[in-house]
Amino acid sequence: MSTQSGSTRIKFLAGVGATVVLCALASPEAQADTVLFQQWPAVSRDQADSINQSNFTSDDFTLAAAATLDKVVFEEAELGNETPASVKWYISSGLFGKNPIALGTASLTATLTSAGTSGNAFSLFTATFSLPNVSLAAGKYYLTLNNGQNVPPTGRTAGNLDYWAIHATPGDSQTFQSVQVGNNVYTQTFMNHDEDAFQIYGTAGSGGGGGGGGGKGVPEPQTLWLLAAGALLTLGLARRRWSVADYTENHS
């Protein structure tokens, strides 16, 4: 085997090795979540916004760059020592879920932040739910919460007394409420409340172009590992070719 042939093989092996390492390092699974937007923490539970049953509360958020959203953390206020269980969520370009980009009903992971007392019946919880990798372009959007459900204390019936706790900053969160009095249902909108307390997590720089579809982001893990597998297959074929070449060279 010539020196030039050996050098070529070493360079090729180094290139393939680098490709495999880069594929592994570039996997999104290895990247930590980033806080893309936050109004945190909650500072009041006295004026929480209703997310009971048919009541909707919307608050806006802005992304400075394209991103893929995968988690929401918000402060939920509960009456009667109930524990948050689930909520319906919307990410949209309009208030109260209008023009939805993504929506769903999510189970909540809730941690008690502050228990209610006789002077303040609200208990505060930090509630977390996952998003199905919602891909968004840079811009302004709305997070809307609705139909909050909870788990009551033993021996009691759930009262659906679920609220979104507020942040200190005056702002433009809005609540749409349906109130039934007798056989009549009345609707009303409360505008320009204080901002609600929430955080949005995800991966910056990997969102879609139009606010909903997948964009030119970080490749999916399956794609990355297919690339790695292809590189290894190429290496295997190259080794076989070199073996044949060596045999021919040594026996010619």
Foldseek 3Di string as FASTA:
>chain_A
DDPVVVVVLVVLVVVLVVLLVVLVVLAPVPDDKDFQDWQDDFDDDPDFAAQFAAKKKKDKDFGQFKWWFWKKKFKKKAAQPWAWFKWKKFKAADPPRPHTLDIDIWTWDWDWDADADPVGRITIITIMTTDPGFFFGGTMIMMMIHNIWTGHPPPDDTPRGMGFGAHPAFAWMKMWDWDDDPNDIDIDMDTRGGHTGMTIIGGGPFHDDHGHDGHNGRDHSVVSVVSSVVSVVVSVVVVVVVVVVVVVVVVD
